C-alpha cells in the first residue's frame, strides 16, 4: 500500500514526465517547420555572396576576371566592402559632399573619374593620418606631398586641403601613367611608389598589373577601388538602401584672402562671427592657432555661409 508521501512522489514524477514530453514534442514540431522561424528571423535579411560582374573596367581598362586569381581578388573585396556596413555607409554619406569637389579637379587634369574611389579606399574621405604618417584624403607622405607642390609645416599642411591635395594627386597619377603606360599601374604606383613598381617590373619582366606578384596591400589595392565603385554605383544590388536625406550635404561657404600674419586664430574667427572650431572645420589645413606667414603668401580661407552651421553659444 502506497503511503501519502509515495503517492505524492509518483504524482510529481508523472507530472514532470508529461511536461518534458510536451516540451520535447513542441521542440520537434518547431524544428519540423523551419520556415515558420525563418519567416520572422532575421527580419528578411539574407547574407549572400555577391556575384562578380562579368564585365568590369577600371579607367577604361578591362579587368580580366576570366583569370581565376583576378576574379577571386575582386570577389574578396566585394564581400569585404559589402559587409563592412558602417565604413561603406559613412563613405557613401561623405561622397555626396566631396565627390562634387573632387570630380571637376580630376576632369580638368584629364584623370579618369574612377580615381575618386581611390580617395575612398585610402581615407574613407576623411582627413586621417596613418601610423606611417600618410595624411589627408589622398594619404600623402610628406616628401611626395612637397614634391607635388603642397606646403607642409607646423602651421600649414595642405595635405588636409581637399582641393590642393587632389591637384597633387592628379600630378602624381599623370606622372605614373606616363612612366608605366596604364592607369591600373598608375594606381598601383600611388600605393607602392614609383620605385617599388619599377623594381617589380624589372624583376618579373612584366608590365601588366594583373601578372605581377606584389605585396598584399598593393595586390588588393585596385580590386578594392573596383569593388567600392561597383557598390557605390549599384547600392541596392548589394543591400544598401541609403536615402538622399541620409547623405551629408556639400559645405556652403564663401572665401576670404589672407596674406598677413595672424597671431591668434580664435580672435580672427570671432571677427567673422564664428569660433575657432568652426574655422578649423572649414579649413583643417591650418595646423596651429597662429600663422607667421614668413613668405607672405596669400591663402584662401573658407567661411561658412550664414545659417549653414549653427554656432553653439557660450
C-alpha atoms as a PDB file:
ATOM      1  CA  UNK A   1       0.000   0.000   0.000  1.00  0.00           C
ATOM      2  CA  UNK A   2       1.366   3.396  -1.009  1.00  0.00           C
ATOM      3  CA  UNK A   3       1.925   5.975   1.640  1.00  0.00           C
ATOM      4  CA  UNK A   4       0.848   9.595   1.120  1.00  0.00           C
ATOM      5  CA  UNK A   5       4.487  10.501   0.579  1.00  0.00           C
ATOM      6  CA  UNK A   6       4.902   7.860  -2.138  1.00  0.00           C
ATOM      7  CA  UNK A   7       1.673   8.919  -3.826  1.00  0.00           C
ATOM      8  CA  UNK A   8       2.928  12.486  -3.951  1.00  0.00           C
ATOM      9  CA  UNK A   9       6.288  11.432  -5.385  1.00  0.00           C
ATOM     10  CA  UNK A  10       4.577   9.329  -8.055  1.00  0.00           C
ATOM     11  CA  UNK A  11       2.314  12.243  -8.951  1.00  0.00           C
ATOM     12  CA  UNK A  12       5.288  14.619  -9.147  1.00  0.00           C
ATOM     13  CA  UNK A  13       7.260  12.197 -11.318  1.00  0.00           C
ATOM     14  CA  UNK A  14       4.287  11.732 -13.656  1.00  0.00           C
ATOM     15  CA  UNK A  15       3.710  15.467 -13.919  1.00  0.00           C
ATOM     16  CA  UNK A  16       7.352  16.229 -14.739  1.00  0.00           C
ATOM     17  CA  UNK A  17       7.487  13.371 -17.257  1.00  0.00           C
ATOM     18  CA  UNK A  18       4.362  14.610 -19.047  1.00  0.00           C
ATOM     19  CA  UNK A  19       5.677  18.179 -19.045  1.00  0.00           C
ATOM     20  CA  UNK A  20       9.002  17.067 -20.516  1.00  0.00           C
ATOM     21  CA  UNK A  21       7.257  15.066 -23.254  1.00  0.00           C
ATOM     22  CA  UNK A  22       5.076  18.040 -24.144  1.00  0.00           C
ATOM     23  CA  UNK A  23       8.144  20.308 -24.314  1.00  0.00           C
ATOM     24  CA  UNK A  24      10.099  17.856 -26.482  1.00  0.00           C
ATOM     25  CA  UNK A  25       7.084  17.424 -28.727  1.00  0.00           C
ATOM     26  CA  UNK A  26       6.828  21.162 -29.122  1.00  0.00           C
ATOM     27  CA  UNK A  27      10.530  21.487 -29.990  1.00  0.00           C
ATOM     28  CA  UNK A  28      10.309  18.689 -32.530  1.00  0.00           C
ATOM     29  CA  UNK A  29       7.211  20.263 -34.030  1.00  0.00           C
ATOM     30  CA  UNK A  30       9.006  23.643 -34.145  1.00  0.00           C
ATOM     31  CA  UNK A  31      12.080  22.201 -35.872  1.00  0.00           C
ATOM     32  CA  UNK A  32       9.912  20.289 -38.298  1.00  0.00           C
ATOM     33  CA  UNK A  33       8.656  23.601 -39.661  1.00  0.00           C
ATOM     34  CA  UNK A  34      11.802  25.770 -40.006  1.00  0.00           C
ATOM     35  CA  UNK A  35      10.109  28.071 -42.491  1.00  0.00           C
ATOM     36  CA  UNK A  36       7.948  29.431 -39.698  1.00  0.00           C
ATOM     37  CA  UNK A  37      11.105  30.524 -37.862  1.00  0.00           C
ATOM     38  CA  UNK A  38      12.832  31.959 -40.915  1.00  0.00           C
ATOM     39  CA  UNK A  39       9.758  33.988 -41.776  1.00  0.00           C
ATOM     40  CA  UNK A  40      10.412  36.369 -38.901  1.00  0.00           C
ATOM     41  CA  UNK A  41      14.141  35.996 -38.293  1.00  0.00           C
ATOM     42  CA  UNK A  42      16.388  37.719 -39.163  1.00  0.00           C
ATOM     43  CA  UNK A  43      13.768  40.133 -40.475  1.00  0.00           C
ATOM     44  CA  UNK A  44      14.247  39.337 -44.113  1.00  0.00           C
ATOM     45  CA  UNK A  45      17.996  39.894 -44.014  1.00  0.00           C
ATOM     46  CA  UNK A  46      19.919  37.352 -46.060  1.00  0.00           C
ATOM     47  CA  UNK A  47      23.698  37.067 -46.044  1.00  0.00           C
ATOM     48  CA  UNK A  48      24.824  36.110 -49.525  1.00  0.00           C
ATOM     49  CA  UNK A  49      27.994  36.126 -51.573  1.00  0.00           C
ATOM     50  CA  UNK A  50      27.578  38.920 -54.149  1.00  0.00           C
ATOM     51  CA  UNK A  51      28.207  37.869 -57.734  1.00  0.00           C
ATOM     52  CA  UNK A  52      31.272  39.237 -59.509  1.00  0.00           C
ATOM     53  CA  UNK A  53      30.045  41.102 -62.609  1.00  0.00           C
ATOM     54  CA  UNK A  54      31.221  39.619 -65.899  1.00  0.00           C
ATOM     55  CA  UNK A  55      32.431  42.882 -67.428  1.00  0.00           C
ATOM     56  CA  UNK A  56      34.378  45.162 -65.129  1.00  0.00           C
ATOM     57  CA  UNK A  57      36.559  48.083 -66.166  1.00  0.00           C
ATOM     58  CA  UNK A  58      38.937  50.368 -64.335  1.00  0.00           C
ATOM     59  CA  UNK A  59      39.610  53.716 -66.025  1.00  0.00           C
ATOM     60  CA  UNK A  60      38.515  52.206 -69.327  1.00  0.00           C
ATOM     61  CA  UNK A  61      40.889  49.255 -68.929  1.00  0.00           C
ATOM     62  CA  UNK A  62      39.219  45.849 -68.819  1.00  0.00           C
ATOM     63  CA  UNK A  63      39.588  43.755 -65.683  1.00  0.00           C
ATOM     64  CA  UNK A  64      40.481  40.154 -66.731  1.00  0.00           C
ATOM     65  CA  UNK A  65      38.036  38.335 -64.465  1.00  0.00           C
ATOM     66  CA  UNK A  66      38.299  35.215 -66.637  1.00  0.00           C
ATOM     67  CA  UNK A  67      41.551  34.676 -64.737  1.00  0.00           C
ATOM     68  CA  UNK A  68      40.582  32.765 -61.590  1.00  0.00           C
ATOM     69  CA  UNK A  69      43.042  34.588 -59.331  1.00  0.00           C
ATOM     70  CA  UNK A  70      41.856  38.023 -60.519  1.00  0.00           C
ATOM     71  CA  UNK A  71      38.209  37.041 -60.123  1.00  0.00           C
ATOM     72  CA  UNK A  72      38.802  35.820 -56.592  1.00  0.00           C
ATOM     73  CA  UNK A  73      40.665  39.026 -55.811  1.00  0.00           C
ATOM     74  CA  UNK A  74      37.628  41.081 -56.899  1.00  0.00           C
ATOM     75  CA  UNK A  75      35.286  38.683 -55.114  1.00  0.00           C
ATOM     76  CA  UNK A  76      37.172  39.161 -51.854  1.00  0.00           C
ATOM     77  CA  UNK A  77      36.825  42.937 -51.986  1.00  0.00           C
ATOM     78  CA  UNK A  78      33.161  42.804 -52.969  1.00  0.00           C
ATOM     79  CA  UNK A  79      32.429  40.584 -49.972  1.00  0.00           C
ATOM     80  CA  UNK A  80      34.542  42.649 -47.561  1.00  0.00           C
ATOM     81  CA  UNK A  81      33.145  46.020 -48.604  1.00  0.00           C
ATOM     82  CA  UNK A  82      29.553  44.801 -48.970  1.00  0.00           C
ATOM     83  CA  UNK A  83      29.523  43.609 -45.375  1.00  0.00           C
ATOM     84  CA  UNK A  84      31.715  46.322 -43.874  1.00  0.00           C
ATOM     85  CA  UNK A  85      28.472  48.208 -43.400  1.00  0.00           C
ATOM     86  CA  UNK A  86      29.495  51.060 -41.127  1.00  0.00           C
ATOM     87  CA  UNK A  87      32.511  52.168 -43.165  1.00  0.00           C
ATOM     88  CA  UNK A  88      30.729  51.770 -46.504  1.00  0.00           C
ATOM     89  CA  UNK A  89      27.633  53.693 -45.390  1.00  0.00           C
ATOM     90  CA  UNK A  90      29.703  56.543 -43.956  1.00  0.00           C
ATOM     91  CA  UNK A  91      31.807  56.732 -47.125  1.00  0.00           C
ATOM     92  CA  UNK A  92      28.610  56.954 -49.201  1.00  0.00           C
ATOM     93  CA  UNK A  93      27.370  59.779 -46.998  1.00  0.00           C
ATOM     94  CA  UNK A  94      30.643  61.692 -47.315  1.00  0.00           C
ATOM     95  CA  UNK A  95      30.845  61.101 -51.064  1.00  0.00           C
ATOM     96  CA  UNK A  96      27.769  63.268 -51.546  1.00  0.00           C
ATOM     97  CA  UNK A  97      29.746  66.154 -50.051  1.00  0.00           C
ATOM     98  CA  UNK A  98      33.178  65.562 -51.510  1.00  0.00           C
ATOM     99  CA  UNK A  99      32.737  63.936 -54.939  1.00  0.00           C
ATOM    100  CA  UNK A 100      31.418  67.234 -56.360  1.00  0.00           C
ATOM    101  CA  UNK A 101      34.684  68.817 -55.177  1.00  0.00           C
ATOM    102  CA  UNK A 102      36.973  66.068 -56.451  1.00  0.00           C
ATOM    103  CA  UNK A 103      35.299  65.254 -59.792  1.00  0.00           C
ATOM    104  CA  UNK A 104      35.898  68.587 -61.590  1.00  0.00           C
ATOM    105  CA  UNK A 105      39.541  68.627 -60.488  1.00  0.00           C
ATOM    106  CA  UNK A 106      40.103  65.144 -61.913  1.00  0.00           C
ATOM    107  CA  UNK A 107      38.355  66.160 -65.125  1.00  0.00           C
ATOM    108  CA  UNK A 108      40.339  69.380 -65.502  1.00  0.00           C
ATOM    109  CA  UNK A 109      43.561  67.369 -65.190  1.00  0.00           C
ATOM    110  CA  UNK A 110      42.432  64.602 -67.616  1.00  0.00           C
ATOM    111  CA  UNK A 111      42.499  61.993 -64.861  1.00  0.00           C
ATOM    112  CA  UNK A 112      39.831  59.249 -65.107  1.00  0.00           C
ATOM    113  CA  UNK A 113      36.849  59.796 -62.839  1.00  0.00           C
ATOM    114  CA  UNK A 114      37.295  56.301 -61.363  1.00  0.00           C
ATOM    115  CA  UNK A 115      40.157  57.634 -59.268  1.00  0.00           C
ATOM    116  CA  UNK A 116      37.767  59.422 -56.926  1.00  0.00           C
ATOM    117  CA  UNK A 117      37.233  55.973 -55.416  1.00  0.00           C
ATOM    118  CA  UNK A 118      40.955  55.806 -54.684  1.00  0.00           C
ATOM    119  CA  UNK A 119      40.378  58.561 -52.127  1.00  0.00           C
ATOM    120  CA  UNK A 120      37.541  56.492 -50.656  1.00  0.00           C
ATOM    121  CA  UNK A 121      39.695  53.415 -50.058  1.00  0.00           C
ATOM    122  CA  UNK A 122      42.666  55.478 -48.881  1.00  0.00           C
ATOM    123  CA  UNK A 123      40.890  57.513 -46.225  1.00  0.00           C
ATOM    124  CA  UNK A 124      37.139  56.986 -46.287  1.00  0.00           C
ATOM    125  CA  UNK A 125      37.035  60.633 -47.463  1.00  0.00           C
ATOM    126  CA  UNK A 126      38.390  61.869 -44.149  1.00  0.00           C
ATOM    127  CA  UNK A 127      41.489  63.795 -43.160  1.00  0.00           C
ATOM    128  CA  UNK A 128      43.071  60.865 -41.365  1.00  0.00           C
ATOM    129  CA  UNK A 129      46.704  60.173 -40.509  1.00  0.00           C
ATOM    130  CA  UNK A 130      48.128  56.655 -40.912  1.00  0.00           C
ATOM    131  CA  UNK A 131      50.608  55.117 -38.447  1.00  0.00           C
ATOM    132  CA  UNK A 132      53.315  55.772 -41.050  1.00  0.00           C
ATOM    133  CA  UNK A 133      52.381  59.458 -41.265  1.00  0.00           C
ATOM    134  CA  UNK A 134      50.429  59.424 -44.549  1.00  0.00           C
ATOM    135  CA  UNK A 135      47.919  62.262 -44.269  1.00  0.00           C
ATOM    136  CA  UNK A 136      44.672  63.541 -45.709  1.00  0.00           C
ATOM    137  CA  UNK A 137      42.132  62.258 -48.211  1.00  0.00           C
ATOM    138  CA  UNK A 138      44.878  61.035 -50.556  1.00  0.00           C
ATOM    139  CA  UNK A 139      47.239  59.834 -47.828  1.00  0.00           C
ATOM    140  CA  UNK A 140      50.344  61.679 -48.969  1.00  0.00           C
ATOM    141  CA  UNK A 141      53.611  61.225 -47.156  1.00  0.00           C
ATOM    142  CA  UNK A 142      55.494  64.466 -46.566  1.00  0.00           C
ATOM    143  CA  UNK A 143      58.172  64.073 -49.273  1.00  0.00           C
ATOM    144  CA  UNK A 144      55.863  63.355 -52.234  1.00  0.00           C
ATOM    145  CA  UNK A 145      53.419  65.984 -50.957  1.00  0.00           C
ATOM    146  CA  UNK A 146      56.110  68.645 -51.158  1.00  0.00           C
ATOM    147  CA  UNK A 147      57.338  67.281 -54.492  1.00  0.00           C
ATOM    148  CA  UNK A 148      53.882  67.835 -55.953  1.00  0.00           C
ATOM    149  CA  UNK A 149      53.503  71.349 -54.640  1.00  0.00           C
ATOM    150  CA  UNK A 150      51.907  71.059 -51.211  1.00  0.00           C
ATOM    151  CA  UNK A 151      53.074  73.160 -48.285  1.00  0.00           C
ATOM    152  CA  UNK A 152      53.787  71.026 -45.230  1.00  0.00           C
ATOM    153  CA  UNK A 153      54.968  72.567 -41.970  1.00  0.00           C
ATOM    154  CA  UNK A 154      53.849  73.105 -38.392  1.00  0.00           C
ATOM    155  CA  UNK A 155      51.466  75.934 -39.289  1.00  0.00           C
ATOM    156  CA  UNK A 156      50.122  74.876 -42.689  1.00  0.00           C
ATOM    157  CA  UNK A 157      49.699  71.348 -44.023  1.00  0.00           C
ATOM    158  CA  UNK A 158      47.974  71.349 -47.395  1.00  0.00           C
ATOM    159  CA  UNK A 159      47.580  67.578 -47.358  1.00  0.00           C
ATOM    160  CA  UNK A 160      44.465  68.457 -45.327  1.00  0.00           C
ATOM    161  CA  UNK A 161      43.245  70.765 -48.103  1.00  0.00           C
ATOM    162  CA  UNK A 162      40.972  68.626 -50.286  1.00  0.00           C
ATOM    163  CA  UNK A 163      41.231  70.803 -53.389  1.00  0.00           C
ATOM    164  CA  UNK A 164      45.017  71.226 -53.284  1.00  0.00           C
ATOM    165  CA  UNK A 165      45.756  67.625 -52.326  1.00  0.00           C
ATOM    166  CA  UNK A 166      43.520  66.426 -55.174  1.00  0.00           C
ATOM    167  CA  UNK A 167      45.531  68.592 -57.572  1.00  0.00           C
ATOM    168  CA  UNK A 168      48.708  66.995 -56.226  1.00  0.00           C
ATOM    169  CA  UNK A 169      47.205  63.512 -56.616  1.00  0.00           C
ATOM    170  CA  UNK A 170      46.391  64.303 -60.253  1.00  0.00           C
ATOM    171  CA  UNK A 171      50.005  65.264 -60.942  1.00  0.00           C
ATOM    172  CA  UNK A 172      51.259  62.098 -59.263  1.00  0.00           C
ATOM    173  CA  UNK A 173      48.880  59.875 -61.217  1.00  0.00           C
ATOM    174  CA  UNK A 174      49.699  61.535 -64.519  1.00  0.00           C
ATOM    175  CA  UNK A 175      53.424  61.043 -63.924  1.00  0.00           C
ATOM    176  CA  UNK A 176      52.799  57.401 -63.011  1.00  0.00           C
ATOM    177  CA  UNK A 177      50.716  56.872 -66.147  1.00  0.00           C
ATOM    178  CA  UNK A 178      53.430  58.433 -68.289  1.00  0.00           C
ATOM    179  CA  UNK A 179      56.018  56.099 -66.773  1.00  0.00           C
ATOM    180  CA  UNK A 180      54.086  52.829 -66.653  1.00  0.00           C
ATOM    181  CA  UNK A 181      51.669  53.174 -69.570  1.00  0.00           C
ATOM    182  CA  UNK A 182      48.365  52.236 -67.919  1.00  0.00           C
ATOM    183  CA  UNK A 183      46.032  53.734 -65.357  1.00  0.00           C
ATOM    184  CA  UNK A 184      45.911  50.436 -63.494  1.00  0.00           C
ATOM    185  CA  UNK A 185      49.672  50.543 -62.996  1.00  0.00           C
ATOM    186  CA  UNK A 186      49.426  54.240 -62.110  1.00  0.00           C
ATOM    187  CA  UNK A 187      47.016  53.296 -59.316  1.00  0.00           C
ATOM    188  CA  UNK A 188      49.410  50.614 -58.102  1.00  0.00           C
ATOM    189  CA  UNK A 189      52.226  53.166 -58.077  1.00  0.00           C
ATOM    190  CA  UNK A 190      50.123  55.518 -55.971  1.00  0.00           C
ATOM    191  CA  UNK A 191      50.098  52.819 -53.322  1.00  0.00           C
ATOM    192  CA  UNK A 192      53.517  51.266 -53.787  1.00  0.00           C
ATOM    193  CA  UNK A 193      55.587  54.157 -55.095  1.00  0.00           C
ATOM    194  CA  UNK A 194      57.366  54.576 -58.415  1.00  0.00           C
ATOM    195  CA  UNK A 195      60.476  52.713 -57.365  1.00  0.00           C
ATOM    196  CA  UNK A 196      58.551  49.830 -55.833  1.00  0.00           C
ATOM    197  CA  UNK A 197      56.559  49.226 -59.007  1.00  0.00           C
ATOM    198  CA  UNK A 198      59.549  49.638 -61.306  1.00  0.00           C
ATOM    199  CA  UNK A 199      61.586  47.177 -59.249  1.00  0.00           C
ATOM    200  CA  UNK A 200      58.875  44.531 -59.630  1.00  0.00           C
ATOM    201  CA  UNK A 201      58.559  45.166 -63.376  1.00  0.00           C
ATOM    202  CA  UNK A 202      62.293  44.684 -63.783  1.00  0.00           C
ATOM    203  CA  UNK A 203      62.336  41.625 -61.521  1.00  0.00           C
ATOM    204  CA  UNK A 204      59.319  39.854 -63.025  1.00  0.00           C
ATOM    205  CA  UNK A 205      59.669  41.098 -66.612  1.00  0.00           C
ATOM    206  CA  UNK A 206      56.010  42.096 -66.919  1.00  0.00           C
ATOM    207  CA  UNK A 207      54.273  45.466 -67.144  1.00  0.00           C
ATOM    208  CA  UNK A 208      50.763  44.106 -66.566  1.00  0.00           C
ATOM    209  CA  UNK A 209      49.465  44.720 -63.052  1.00  0.00           C
ATOM    210  CA  UNK A 210      47.434  41.516 -63.048  1.00  0.00           C
ATOM    211  CA  UNK A 211      50.514  39.443 -63.920  1.00  0.00           C
ATOM    212  CA  UNK A 212      52.704  40.814 -61.149  1.00  0.00           C
ATOM    213  CA  UNK A 213      53.316  39.261 -57.750  1.00  0.00           C
ATOM    214  CA  UNK A 214      53.003  42.214 -55.381  1.00  0.00           C
ATOM    215  CA  UNK A 215      52.708  42.752 -51.658  1.00  0.00           C
ATOM    216  CA  UNK A 216      49.270  42.003 -50.235  1.00  0.00           C
ATOM    217  CA  UNK A 217      48.217  45.653 -49.904  1.00  0.00           C
ATOM    218  CA  UNK A 218      49.092  46.612 -53.481  1.00  0.00           C
ATOM    219  CA  UNK A 219      47.681  43.349 -54.802  1.00  0.00           C
ATOM    220  CA  UNK A 220      44.325  44.194 -53.201  1.00  0.00           C
ATOM    221  CA  UNK A 221      44.506  47.905 -53.990  1.00  0.00           C
ATOM    222  CA  UNK A 222      42.963  48.101 -57.466  1.00  0.00           C
ATOM    223  CA  UNK A 223      40.405  45.406 -56.592  1.00  0.00           C
ATOM    224  CA  UNK A 224      39.298  47.493 -53.629  1.00  0.00           C
ATOM    225  CA  UNK A 225      38.793  50.530 -55.865  1.00  0.00           C
ATOM    226  CA  UNK A 226      36.829  48.459 -58.400  1.00  0.00           C
ATOM    227  CA  UNK A 227      34.659  46.823 -55.715  1.00  0.00           C
ATOM    228  CA  UNK A 228      33.979  50.142 -53.982  1.00  0.00           C
ATOM    229  CA  UNK A 229      32.927  51.780 -57.236  1.00  0.00           C
ATOM    230  CA  UNK A 230      30.669  48.831 -58.088  1.00  0.00           C
ATOM    231  CA  UNK A 231      28.917  49.062 -54.697  1.00  0.00           C
ATOM    232  CA  UNK A 232      28.575  52.851 -54.884  1.00  0.00           C
ATOM    233  CA  UNK A 233      27.112  52.716 -58.399  1.00  0.00           C
ATOM    234  CA  UNK A 234      24.688  49.879 -57.589  1.00  0.00           C
ATOM    235  CA  UNK A 235      23.985  50.136 -53.834  1.00  0.00           C
ATOM    236  CA  UNK A 236      20.634  48.316 -53.947  1.00  0.00           C
ATOM    237  CA  UNK A 237      22.299  45.344 -55.618  1.00  0.00           C
ATOM    238  CA  UNK A 238      24.446  44.958 -52.510  1.00  0.00           C
ATOM    239  CA  UNK A 239      21.727  45.544 -49.934  1.00  0.00           C
ATOM    240  CA  UNK A 240      22.200  49.272 -49.268  1.00  0.00           C
ATOM    241  CA  UNK A 241      19.093  51.427 -49.019  1.00  0.00           C
ATOM    242  CA  UNK A 242      20.537  54.891 -48.485  1.00  0.00           C
ATOM    243  CA  UNK A 243      18.073  57.727 -48.955  1.00  0.00           C
ATOM    244  CA  UNK A 244      19.008  61.212 -50.222  1.00  0.00           C
ATOM    245  CA  UNK A 245      18.233  62.747 -46.848  1.00  0.00           C
ATOM    246  CA  UNK A 246      20.780  60.383 -45.248  1.00  0.00           C
ATOM    247  CA  UNK A 247      23.663  61.898 -47.231  1.00  0.00           C
ATOM    248  CA  UNK A 248      25.918  64.671 -45.980  1.00  0.00           C
ATOM    249  CA  UNK A 249      25.287  67.970 -47.778  1.00  0.00           C
ATOM    250  CA  UNK A 250      28.054  69.889 -49.584  1.00  0.00           C
ATOM    251  CA  UNK A 251      29.588  72.627 -47.467  1.00  0.00           C
ATOM    252  CA  UNK A 252      28.208  76.097 -48.141  1.00  0.00           C
ATOM    253  CA  UNK A 253      30.835  78.774 -47.765  1.00  0.00           C
ATOM    254  CA  UNK A 254      32.368  81.946 -49.104  1.00  0.00           C
ATOM    255  CA  UNK A 255      36.092  82.629 -49.343  1.00  0.00           C
ATOM    256  CA  UNK A 256      38.383  85.293 -47.965  1.00  0.00           C
ATOM    257  CA  UNK A 257      42.010  86.014 -48.763  1.00  0.00           C
ATOM    258  CA  UNK A 258      44.621  86.000 -46.036  1.00  0.00           C
ATOM    259  CA  UNK A 259      48.062  87.415 -46.832  1.00  0.00           C
ATOM    260  CA  UNK A 260      49.151  88.744 -43.451  1.00  0.00           C
ATOM    261  CA  UNK A 261      50.314  87.034 -40.250  1.00  0.00           C
ATOM    262  CA  UNK A 262      47.710  86.014 -37.675  1.00  0.00           C
ATOM    263  CA  UNK A 263      48.660  85.987 -34.010  1.00  0.00           C
ATOM    264  CA  UNK A 264      45.517  84.231 -32.762  1.00  0.00           C
ATOM    265  CA  UNK A 265      43.046  82.402 -34.978  1.00  0.00           C
ATOM    266  CA  UNK A 266      40.411  82.341 -32.207  1.00  0.00           C
ATOM    267  CA  UNK A 267      40.305  86.132 -32.324  1.00  0.00           C
ATOM    268  CA  UNK A 268      40.496  86.071 -36.116  1.00  0.00           C
ATOM    269  CA  UNK A 269      37.487  83.729 -36.312  1.00  0.00           C
ATOM    270  CA  UNK A 270      35.484  85.908 -33.912  1.00  0.00           C
ATOM    271  CA  UNK A 271      35.834  88.789 -36.369  1.00  0.00           C
ATOM    272  CA  UNK A 272      33.789  86.702 -38.819  1.00  0.00           C
ATOM    273  CA  UNK A 273      31.157  85.718 -36.274  1.00  0.00           C
ATOM    274  CA  UNK A 274      32.389  82.166 -35.851  1.00  0.00           C
ATOM    275  CA  UNK A 275      34.568  80.304 -33.365  1.00  0.00           C
ATOM    276  CA  UNK A 276      37.957  78.624 -33.717  1.00  0.00           C
ATOM    277  CA  UNK A 277      36.419  75.164 -34.051  1.00  0.00           C
ATOM    278  CA  UNK A 278      34.263  76.240 -36.995  1.00  0.00           C
ATOM    279  CA  UNK A 279      37.232  77.918 -38.671  1.00  0.00           C
ATOM    280  CA  UNK A 280      39.217  74.673 -38.372  1.00  0.00           C
ATOM    281  CA  UNK A 281      36.241  72.592 -39.568  1.00  0.00           C
ATOM    282  CA  UNK A 282      36.211  74.523 -42.848  1.00  0.00           C
ATOM    283  CA  UNK A 283      39.997  74.928 -43.030  1.00  0.00           C
ATOM    284  CA  UNK A 284      41.631  71.831 -41.492  1.00  0.00           C
ATOM    285  CA  UNK A 285      44.917  72.621 -43.239  1.00  0.00           C
ATOM    286  CA  UNK A 286      45.527  75.343 -40.618  1.00  0.00           C
ATOM    287  CA  UNK A 287      47.551  73.351 -38.121  1.00  0.00           C
ATOM    288  CA  UNK A 288      48.246  75.908 -35.392  1.00  0.00           C
ATOM    289  CA  UNK A 289      46.376  78.750 -33.716  1.00  0.00           C
ATOM    290  CA  UNK A 290      48.647  81.304 -35.359  1.00  0.00           C
ATOM    291  CA  UNK A 291      50.247  81.974 -38.739  1.00  0.00           C
ATOM    292  CA  UNK A 292      53.601  83.710 -39.096  1.00  0.00           C
ATOM    293  CA  UNK A 293      53.402  83.682 -42.919  1.00  0.00           C
ATOM    294  CA  UNK A 294      57.112  84.396 -43.332  1.00  0.00           C
ATOM    295  CA  UNK A 295      56.913  84.026 -47.105  1.00  0.00           C
ATOM    296  CA  UNK A 296      53.996  86.473 -47.371  1.00  0.00           C
ATOM    297  CA  UNK A 297      51.816  84.005 -49.230  1.00  0.00           C
ATOM    298  CA  UNK A 298      48.152  84.574 -49.954  1.00  0.00           C
ATOM    299  CA  UNK A 299      45.917  81.842 -48.556  1.00  0.00           C
ATOM    300  CA  UNK A 300      42.264  81.262 -49.385  1.00  0.00           C
ATOM    301  CA  UNK A 301      40.118  80.520 -46.337  1.00  0.00           C
ATOM    302  CA  UNK A 302      36.583  79.158 -46.355  1.00  0.00           C
ATOM    303  CA  UNK A 303      33.974  80.785 -44.151  1.00  0.00           C
ATOM    304  CA  UNK A 304      30.525  79.240 -43.623  1.00  0.00           C
ATOM    305  CA  UNK A 305      27.574  80.887 -45.289  1.00  0.00           C
ATOM    306  CA  UNK A 306      25.201  82.459 -42.816  1.00  0.00           C
ATOM    307  CA  UNK A 307      22.798  79.872 -41.446  1.00  0.00           C
ATOM    308  CA  UNK A 308      24.663  76.820 -42.764  1.00  0.00           C
ATOM    309  CA  UNK A 309      26.181  75.913 -39.423  1.00  0.00           C
ATOM    310  CA  UNK A 310      24.660  76.827 -36.084  1.00  0.00           C
ATOM    311  CA  UNK A 311      27.285  78.224 -33.726  1.00  0.00           C
ATOM    312  CA  UNK A 312      26.907  76.917 -30.188  1.00  0.00           C
ATOM    313  CA  UNK A 313      26.562  79.790 -27.746  1.00  0.00           C
ATOM    314  CA  UNK A 314      28.894  80.025 -24.782  1.00  0.00           C
END
